[in-house]
Amino acid sequence: MKKYILLIAVLFSAIQFFAQDPTGDGLCTGLSYEVVSSDPLGTGAATYRLFANFTADAAEVTAMYGTDTNPWEMTSSAVDGFYNDAVGSDFGGGINPAFFSAFPSLEFDSWFTIGAEPGDDDGLNNAFDAALTSLADFNSGGDFVVNTFI
């Protein structure tokens, strides 16, 4: 259920962004998702991956952000929030698949990425402002909110 709520929150945030179409070029045709695992931890939750779809092969998402006037928010109505494993990472590339056998629940950790998957070198995916509490809140199961003045 938690991952399902995460998907809905991400979809809402992404749809809100793409609906604005700031460049008017229409490159983003929508969002798609895939179910990675159904009820992997025996809690009724599912794990999803969300993708932005573009008309041009060369188009890509390079950044995501929020401001005080247009916040980036991912919220969960689940009692215990988003699932974040004790040995997980903020970003997909920070998770080493070699540890999945020793820590089976690590495979279902919640993480952010723009392209990198567990085990990938993703030196470009990183936190933007060390003063933000967004990642700490998210890692403790809370909501992810970026709403600072630029």
C-alpha atoms as a PDB file:
ATOM      1  CA  MET A   1       0.000   0.000   0.000  1.00  0.00           C
ATOM      2  CA  LYS A   2       2.845   2.407   0.843  1.00  0.00           C
ATOM      3  CA  LYS A   3       4.464   2.041  -2.557  1.00  0.00           C
ATOM      4  CA  TYR A   4       1.058   2.469  -4.195  1.00  0.00           C
ATOM      5  CA  ILE A   5       0.627   5.742  -2.309  1.00  0.00           C
ATOM      6  CA  LEU A   6       4.148   6.755  -3.363  1.00  0.00           C
ATOM      7  CA  LEU A   7       3.232   6.104  -6.981  1.00  0.00           C
ATOM      8  CA  ILE A   8       0.106   8.228  -6.688  1.00  0.00           C
ATOM      9  CA  ALA A   9       2.057  11.046  -5.034  1.00  0.00           C
ATOM     10  CA  VAL A  10       4.754  10.912  -7.711  1.00  0.00           C
ATOM     11  CA  LEU A  11       2.161  10.760 -10.473  1.00  0.00           C
ATOM     12  CA  PHE A  12       0.347  13.779  -9.034  1.00  0.00           C
ATOM     13  CA  SER A  13       3.591  15.751  -8.753  1.00  0.00           C
ATOM     14  CA  ALA A  14       4.694  14.780 -12.251  1.00  0.00           C
ATOM     15  CA  ILE A  15       1.309  15.411 -13.836  1.00  0.00           C
ATOM     16  CA  GLN A  16       1.195  18.800 -12.148  1.00  0.00           C
ATOM     17  CA  PHE A  17       4.639  19.599 -13.610  1.00  0.00           C
ATOM     18  CA  PHE A  18       4.026  18.266 -17.089  1.00  0.00           C
ATOM     19  CA  ALA A  19       0.577  19.851 -17.296  1.00  0.00           C
ATOM     20  CA  GLN A  20       2.324  23.212 -17.092  1.00  0.00           C
ATOM     21  CA  ASP A  21       4.389  22.402 -20.231  1.00  0.00           C
ATOM     22  CA  PRO A  22       6.664  25.411 -19.650  1.00  0.00           C
ATOM     23  CA  THR A  23       8.259  25.233 -23.100  1.00  0.00           C
ATOM     24  CA  GLY A  24       5.110  24.398 -25.037  1.00  0.00           C
ATOM     25  CA  ASP A  25       7.038  21.842 -27.113  1.00  0.00           C
ATOM     26  CA  GLY A  26       4.854  18.893 -26.102  1.00  0.00           C
ATOM     27  CA  LEU A  27       7.763  16.487 -25.843  1.00  0.00           C
ATOM     28  CA  CYS A  28       6.352  14.753 -22.774  1.00  0.00           C
ATOM     29  CA  THR A  29       3.496  12.504 -23.815  1.00  0.00           C
ATOM     30  CA  GLY A  30       2.695  11.308 -20.315  1.00  0.00           C
ATOM     31  CA  LEU A  31       3.769   8.933 -17.610  1.00  0.00           C
ATOM     32  CA  SER A  32       3.912   5.174 -17.409  1.00  0.00           C
ATOM     33  CA  TYR A  33       4.749   2.741 -14.649  1.00  0.00           C
ATOM     34  CA  GLU A  34       5.639  -0.871 -14.129  1.00  0.00           C
ATOM     35  CA  VAL A  35       4.965  -3.103 -11.148  1.00  0.00           C
ATOM     36  CA  VAL A  36       8.359  -4.336  -9.993  1.00  0.00           C
ATOM     37  CA  SER A  37       7.042  -6.542  -7.196  1.00  0.00           C
ATOM     38  CA  SER A  38       3.663  -7.271  -5.603  1.00  0.00           C
ATOM     39  CA  ASP A  39       3.625  -7.680  -1.816  1.00  0.00           C
ATOM     40  CA  PRO A  40       7.382  -8.375  -1.524  1.00  0.00           C
ATOM     41  CA  LEU A  41       7.479  -7.883   2.251  1.00  0.00           C
ATOM     42  CA  GLY A  42       4.162  -9.531   3.078  1.00  0.00           C
ATOM     43  CA  THR A  43       2.557  -6.220   4.031  1.00  0.00           C
ATOM     44  CA  GLY A  44       0.195  -5.810   1.082  1.00  0.00           C
ATOM     45  CA  ALA A  45       2.462  -3.182  -0.501  1.00  0.00           C
ATOM     46  CA  ALA A  46       3.724  -3.175  -4.077  1.00  0.00           C
ATOM     47  CA  THR A  47       6.860  -1.694  -5.604  1.00  0.00           C
ATOM     48  CA  TYR A  48       6.556   0.477  -8.710  1.00  0.00           C
ATOM     49  CA  ARG A  49       8.832   2.339 -11.085  1.00  0.00           C
ATOM     50  CA  LEU A  50       7.585   5.522 -12.722  1.00  0.00           C
ATOM     51  CA  PHE A  51       8.725   6.756 -16.143  1.00  0.00           C
ATOM     52  CA  ALA A  52       8.239   9.977 -18.112  1.00  0.00           C
ATOM     53  CA  ASN A  53       7.508   9.297 -21.800  1.00  0.00           C
ATOM     54  CA  PHE A  54       8.760  11.599 -24.554  1.00  0.00           C
ATOM     55  CA  THR A  55       8.180  11.883 -28.307  1.00  0.00           C
ATOM     56  CA  ALA A  56      11.885  12.371 -29.052  1.00  0.00           C
ATOM     57  CA  ASP A  57      14.461   9.699 -28.174  1.00  0.00           C
ATOM     58  CA  ALA A  58      16.979  12.396 -27.218  1.00  0.00           C
ATOM     59  CA  ALA A  59      14.646  14.058 -24.679  1.00  0.00           C
ATOM     60  CA  GLU A  60      15.325  13.380 -21.018  1.00  0.00           C
ATOM     61  CA  VAL A  61      14.558  14.599 -17.522  1.00  0.00           C
ATOM     62  CA  THR A  62      17.660  16.303 -16.134  1.00  0.00           C
ATOM     63  CA  ALA A  63      16.395  17.806 -12.872  1.00  0.00           C
ATOM     64  CA  MET A  64      13.459  18.003 -10.517  1.00  0.00           C
ATOM     65  CA  TYR A  65      12.929  20.791  -8.021  1.00  0.00           C
ATOM     66  CA  GLY A  66      10.448  22.696  -5.891  1.00  0.00           C
ATOM     67  CA  THR A  67      10.180  26.311  -4.806  1.00  0.00           C
ATOM     68  CA  ASP A  68       8.211  28.282  -2.262  1.00  0.00           C
ATOM     69  CA  THR A  69       5.605  29.116  -4.929  1.00  0.00           C
ATOM     70  CA  ASN A  70       5.606  25.751  -6.741  1.00  0.00           C
ATOM     71  CA  PRO A  71       6.580  23.047  -4.216  1.00  0.00           C
ATOM     72  CA  TRP A  72       7.560  19.497  -5.073  1.00  0.00           C
ATOM     73  CA  GLU A  73       5.588  17.333  -2.671  1.00  0.00           C
ATOM     74  CA  MET A  74       5.276  13.589  -2.253  1.00  0.00           C
ATOM     75  CA  THR A  75       3.005  12.684   0.612  1.00  0.00           C
ATOM     76  CA  SER A  76       1.744   9.432   2.049  1.00  0.00           C
ATOM     77  CA  SER A  77      -1.481   8.798   3.914  1.00  0.00           C
ATOM     78  CA  ALA A  78      -0.187   5.425   5.165  1.00  0.00           C
ATOM     79  CA  VAL A  79       0.196   5.252   8.944  1.00  0.00           C
ATOM     80  CA  ASP A  80       3.903   4.408   8.744  1.00  0.00           C
ATOM     81  CA  GLY A  81       4.647   6.427   5.586  1.00  0.00           C
ATOM     82  CA  PHE A  82       7.059   5.410   2.843  1.00  0.00           C
ATOM     83  CA  TYR A  83       9.216   2.283   3.168  1.00  0.00           C
ATOM     84  CA  ASN A  84      12.884   3.112   3.626  1.00  0.00           C
ATOM     85  CA  ASP A  85      15.221   0.265   4.519  1.00  0.00           C
ATOM     86  CA  ALA A  86      17.729   0.749   7.346  1.00  0.00           C
ATOM     87  CA  VAL A  87      20.633   0.086   4.950  1.00  0.00           C
ATOM     88  CA  GLY A  88      19.020   1.886   1.993  1.00  0.00           C
ATOM     89  CA  SER A  89      20.091   5.010   0.150  1.00  0.00           C
ATOM     90  CA  ASP A  90      18.618   8.339  -0.934  1.00  0.00           C
ATOM     91  CA  PHE A  91      19.456   7.595  -4.569  1.00  0.00           C
ATOM     92  CA  GLY A  92      19.227   4.421  -6.663  1.00  0.00           C
ATOM     93  CA  GLY A  93      22.925   4.259  -7.481  1.00  0.00           C
ATOM     94  CA  GLY A  94      23.756   4.160  -3.770  1.00  0.00           C
ATOM     95  CA  ILE A  95      22.191   0.722  -3.386  1.00  0.00           C
ATOM     96  CA  ASN A  96      24.440  -2.250  -4.094  1.00  0.00           C
ATOM     97  CA  PRO A  97      22.462  -5.259  -5.423  1.00  0.00           C
ATOM     98  CA  ALA A  98      25.153  -7.574  -4.022  1.00  0.00           C
ATOM     99  CA  PHE A  99      23.623  -6.919  -0.574  1.00  0.00           C
ATOM    100  CA  PHE A 100      20.094  -8.071  -1.524  1.00  0.00           C
ATOM    101  CA  SER A 101      20.734 -11.648  -0.367  1.00  0.00           C
ATOM    102  CA  ALA A 102      22.004 -10.481   3.051  1.00  0.00           C
ATOM    103  CA  PHE A 103      19.328  -7.777   3.409  1.00  0.00           C
ATOM    104  CA  PRO A 104      16.317  -8.985   1.353  1.00  0.00           C
ATOM    105  CA  SER A 105      14.137  -5.970   2.203  1.00  0.00           C
ATOM    106  CA  LEU A 106      16.813  -3.602   0.819  1.00  0.00           C
ATOM    107  CA  GLU A 107      15.604  -4.440  -2.675  1.00  0.00           C
ATOM    108  CA  PHE A 108      12.340  -2.615  -1.887  1.00  0.00           C
ATOM    109  CA  ASP A 109      13.837   0.544  -0.389  1.00  0.00           C
ATOM    110  CA  SER A 110      12.351   3.848  -1.606  1.00  0.00           C
ATOM    111  CA  TRP A 111      14.837   5.991  -3.500  1.00  0.00           C
ATOM    112  CA  PHE A 112      15.076   8.778  -6.060  1.00  0.00           C
ATOM    113  CA  THR A 113      16.785   8.698  -9.420  1.00  0.00           C
ATOM    114  CA  ILE A 114      16.941  10.239 -12.824  1.00  0.00           C
ATOM    115  CA  GLY A 115      18.000   7.156 -14.736  1.00  0.00           C
ATOM    116  CA  ALA A 116      20.361   5.313 -12.385  1.00  0.00           C
ATOM    117  CA  GLU A 117      19.347   1.946 -10.970  1.00  0.00           C
ATOM    118  CA  PRO A 118      20.830   0.087  -7.997  1.00  0.00           C
ATOM    119  CA  GLY A 119      24.461  -0.651  -8.736  1.00  0.00           C
ATOM    120  CA  ASP A 120      24.825   2.091 -11.368  1.00  0.00           C
ATOM    121  CA  ASP A 121      27.383   4.856 -10.963  1.00  0.00           C
ATOM    122  CA  ASP A 122      25.159   7.895 -10.590  1.00  0.00           C
ATOM    123  CA  GLY A 123      27.492  10.704  -9.626  1.00  0.00           C
ATOM    124  CA  LEU A 124      25.029  13.186 -11.095  1.00  0.00           C
ATOM    125  CA  ASN A 125      22.123  12.232  -8.813  1.00  0.00           C
ATOM    126  CA  ASN A 126      22.563  14.083  -5.559  1.00  0.00           C
ATOM    127  CA  ALA A 127      20.912  16.262  -2.974  1.00  0.00           C
ATOM    128  CA  PHE A 128      20.673  19.860  -3.930  1.00  0.00           C
ATOM    129  CA  ASP A 129      20.643  21.768  -0.646  1.00  0.00           C
ATOM    130  CA  ALA A 130      22.128  20.343   2.531  1.00  0.00           C
ATOM    131  CA  ALA A 131      19.954  22.699   4.596  1.00  0.00           C
ATOM    132  CA  LEU A 132      16.788  20.954   3.423  1.00  0.00           C
ATOM    133  CA  THR A 133      15.181  18.385   5.692  1.00  0.00           C
ATOM    134  CA  SER A 134      13.299  16.754   2.789  1.00  0.00           C
ATOM    135  CA  LEU A 135      15.453  13.630   2.541  1.00  0.00           C
ATOM    136  CA  ALA A 136      15.719  13.155   6.309  1.00  0.00           C
ATOM    137  CA  ASP A 137      11.932  13.435   6.627  1.00  0.00           C
ATOM    138  CA  PHE A 138      11.424  10.991   3.737  1.00  0.00           C
ATOM    139  CA  ASN A 139      13.974   8.501   5.104  1.00  0.00           C
ATOM    140  CA  SER A 140      12.149   8.380   8.425  1.00  0.00           C
ATOM    141  CA  GLY A 141       8.924   7.460   6.585  1.00  0.00           C
ATOM    142  CA  GLY A 142       7.575  11.002   6.352  1.00  0.00           C
ATOM    143  CA  ASP A 143       6.648  13.153   3.402  1.00  0.00           C
ATOM    144  CA  PHE A 144       9.115  14.587   0.887  1.00  0.00           C
ATOM    145  CA  VAL A 145       8.627  18.343   0.459  1.00  0.00           C
ATOM    146  CA  VAL A 146      10.894  20.852  -1.290  1.00  0.00           C
ATOM    147  CA  ASN A 147       9.452  24.333  -0.905  1.00  0.00           C
ATOM    148  CA  THR A 148      12.333  26.732  -0.372  1.00  0.00           C
ATOM    149  CA  PHE A 149      12.902  30.132  -1.921  1.00  0.00           C
ATOM    150  CA  ILE A 150      15.541  30.042  -4.661  1.00  0.00           C
END
